[in-house]
Amino acid sequence: MTASFQLGMMAGQVPVGAFMDRVGTRIGLAAIFIAWSIVGGAHALASGLMGFVALRFLMGLSECGSNKEMLIESPEQPHCPSPELRRFC
């Protein structure tokens, strides 16, 4: 199951990165979190091991872009006090 998740993360890095570059960080993160929520909820409906493994793969696909994009987006948020300190936010 863990390998399925990791394969999904690996398979989705380039396509999700291209998607994020095309639509922008905010829309891309919203799409990722919507997909992540739908796939996470679908885990409750999985019947059998193979269904659960397939959903873990989809979870990896839907989650793979969130880490990098959140690091890019966080300095742009209004909680940063000044431009000089944004590198620390």
C-alpha atoms as a PDB file:
ATOM      1  CA  MET A   1       0.000   0.000   0.000  1.00  0.00           C
ATOM      2  CA  THR A   2       2.818   2.389   0.804  1.00  0.00           C
ATOM      3  CA  ALA A   3       4.527   1.537  -2.469  1.00  0.00           C
ATOM      4  CA  SER A   4       1.336   2.345  -4.345  1.00  0.00           C
ATOM      5  CA  PHE A   5       1.161   5.761  -2.706  1.00  0.00           C
ATOM      6  CA  GLN A   6       4.829   6.443  -3.451  1.00  0.00           C
ATOM      7  CA  LEU A   7       4.431   5.348  -7.076  1.00  0.00           C
ATOM      8  CA  GLY A   8       1.530   7.778  -7.401  1.00  0.00           C
ATOM      9  CA  MET A   9       3.659  10.573  -5.945  1.00  0.00           C
ATOM     10  CA  MET A  10       6.480   9.723  -8.341  1.00  0.00           C
ATOM     11  CA  ALA A  11       4.248   9.447 -11.398  1.00  0.00           C
ATOM     12  CA  GLY A  12       2.512  12.725 -10.709  1.00  0.00           C
ATOM     13  CA  GLN A  13       5.462  15.040 -10.072  1.00  0.00           C
ATOM     14  CA  VAL A  14       6.043  16.203 -13.656  1.00  0.00           C
ATOM     15  CA  PRO A  15       2.394  16.352 -14.826  1.00  0.00           C
ATOM     16  CA  VAL A  16       1.237  18.148 -11.682  1.00  0.00           C
ATOM     17  CA  GLY A  17       4.175  20.549 -11.911  1.00  0.00           C
ATOM     18  CA  ALA A  18       3.237  21.360 -15.508  1.00  0.00           C
ATOM     19  CA  PHE A  19      -0.387  21.824 -14.436  1.00  0.00           C
ATOM     20  CA  MET A  20       0.683  24.205 -11.661  1.00  0.00           C
ATOM     21  CA  ASP A  21       2.828  26.215 -14.058  1.00  0.00           C
ATOM     22  CA  ARG A  22      -0.088  26.490 -16.475  1.00  0.00           C
ATOM     23  CA  VAL A  23      -2.877  27.491 -14.056  1.00  0.00           C
ATOM     24  CA  GLY A  24      -0.939  29.175 -11.242  1.00  0.00           C
ATOM     25  CA  THR A  25      -0.294  28.323  -7.630  1.00  0.00           C
ATOM     26  CA  ARG A  26      -3.598  29.337  -6.067  1.00  0.00           C
ATOM     27  CA  ILE A  27      -5.854  27.604  -8.578  1.00  0.00           C
ATOM     28  CA  GLY A  28      -3.518  24.607  -8.663  1.00  0.00           C
ATOM     29  CA  LEU A  29      -3.518  24.227  -4.880  1.00  0.00           C
ATOM     30  CA  ALA A  30      -7.305  24.520  -4.812  1.00  0.00           C
ATOM     31  CA  ALA A  31      -7.561  21.766  -7.442  1.00  0.00           C
ATOM     32  CA  ILE A  32      -5.113  19.582  -5.519  1.00  0.00           C
ATOM     33  CA  PHE A  33      -7.006  19.962  -2.255  1.00  0.00           C
ATOM     34  CA  ILE A  34     -10.350  19.251  -3.924  1.00  0.00           C
ATOM     35  CA  ALA A  35      -8.962  16.116  -5.595  1.00  0.00           C
ATOM     36  CA  TRP A  36      -7.238  15.113  -2.366  1.00  0.00           C
ATOM     37  CA  SER A  37     -10.498  15.440  -0.439  1.00  0.00           C
ATOM     38  CA  ILE A  38     -12.499  13.456  -2.979  1.00  0.00           C
ATOM     39  CA  VAL A  39      -9.950  10.640  -3.127  1.00  0.00           C
ATOM     40  CA  GLY A  40      -9.614  10.657   0.669  1.00  0.00           C
ATOM     41  CA  GLY A  41     -13.372  10.289   1.056  1.00  0.00           C
ATOM     42  CA  ALA A  42     -13.447   7.542  -1.552  1.00  0.00           C
ATOM     43  CA  HIS A  43     -11.244   5.415   0.699  1.00  0.00           C
ATOM     44  CA  ALA A  44     -14.329   4.748   2.791  1.00  0.00           C
ATOM     45  CA  LEU A  45     -16.015   3.206  -0.252  1.00  0.00           C
ATOM     46  CA  ALA A  46     -13.138   0.911  -1.226  1.00  0.00           C
ATOM     47  CA  SER A  47     -14.127  -2.715  -1.479  1.00  0.00           C
ATOM     48  CA  GLY A  48     -11.220  -5.061  -1.234  1.00  0.00           C
ATOM     49  CA  LEU A  49      -7.485  -4.708  -1.205  1.00  0.00           C
ATOM     50  CA  MET A  50      -7.037  -3.811  -4.886  1.00  0.00           C
ATOM     51  CA  GLY A  51      -9.571  -0.997  -4.666  1.00  0.00           C
ATOM     52  CA  PHE A  52      -7.795   0.397  -1.638  1.00  0.00           C
ATOM     53  CA  VAL A  53      -4.387   0.115  -3.341  1.00  0.00           C
ATOM     54  CA  ALA A  54      -5.750   1.931  -6.409  1.00  0.00           C
ATOM     55  CA  LEU A  55      -7.097   4.700  -4.193  1.00  0.00           C
ATOM     56  CA  ARG A  56      -3.728   4.998  -2.448  1.00  0.00           C
ATOM     57  CA  PHE A  57      -2.134   5.468  -5.886  1.00  0.00           C
ATOM     58  CA  LEU A  58      -4.676   8.190  -6.691  1.00  0.00           C
ATOM     59  CA  MET A  59      -4.009   9.773  -3.305  1.00  0.00           C
ATOM     60  CA  GLY A  60      -0.321   9.980  -4.189  1.00  0.00           C
ATOM     61  CA  LEU A  61      -1.203  11.557  -7.536  1.00  0.00           C
ATOM     62  CA  SER A  62      -3.471  14.117  -5.932  1.00  0.00           C
ATOM     63  CA  GLU A  63      -1.071  14.987  -3.120  1.00  0.00           C
ATOM     64  CA  CYS A  64       2.233  15.198  -4.981  1.00  0.00           C
ATOM     65  CA  GLY A  65       2.157  18.880  -5.919  1.00  0.00           C
ATOM     66  CA  SER A  66       1.039  20.275  -2.596  1.00  0.00           C
ATOM     67  CA  ASN A  67       4.356  20.325  -0.737  1.00  0.00           C
ATOM     68  CA  LYS A  68       6.371  22.267  -3.290  1.00  0.00           C
ATOM     69  CA  GLU A  69       3.573  24.670  -4.138  1.00  0.00           C
ATOM     70  CA  MET A  70       2.814  25.458  -0.501  1.00  0.00           C
ATOM     71  CA  LEU A  71       6.459  26.403  -0.019  1.00  0.00           C
ATOM     72  CA  ILE A  72       6.237  28.692  -3.041  1.00  0.00           C
ATOM     73  CA  GLU A  73       2.928  30.237  -1.980  1.00  0.00           C
ATOM     74  CA  SER A  74       3.587  30.849   1.722  1.00  0.00           C
ATOM     75  CA  PRO A  75       5.905  33.885   1.346  1.00  0.00           C
ATOM     76  CA  GLU A  76       3.207  35.571  -0.750  1.00  0.00           C
ATOM     77  CA  GLN A  77       0.699  35.437   2.092  1.00  0.00           C
ATOM     78  CA  PRO A  78      -0.124  38.603   4.071  1.00  0.00           C
ATOM     79  CA  HIS A  79       1.257  37.246   7.364  1.00  0.00           C
ATOM     80  CA  CYS A  80       4.786  38.286   6.308  1.00  0.00           C
ATOM     81  CA  PRO A  81       5.531  41.636   7.955  1.00  0.00           C
ATOM     82  CA  SER A  82       7.892  43.194   5.419  1.00  0.00           C
ATOM     83  CA  PRO A  83       9.610  42.372   2.108  1.00  0.00           C
ATOM     84  CA  GLU A  84      12.963  42.071   3.884  1.00  0.00           C
ATOM     85  CA  LEU A  85      11.633  39.359   6.207  1.00  0.00           C
ATOM     86  CA  ARG A  86       9.683  37.378   3.590  1.00  0.00           C
ATOM     87  CA  ARG A  87      12.509  34.907   3.112  1.00  0.00           C
ATOM     88  CA  PHE A  88      11.942  33.810   6.731  1.00  0.00           C
ATOM     89  CA  CYS A  89       8.144  33.453   6.460  1.00  0.00           C
END
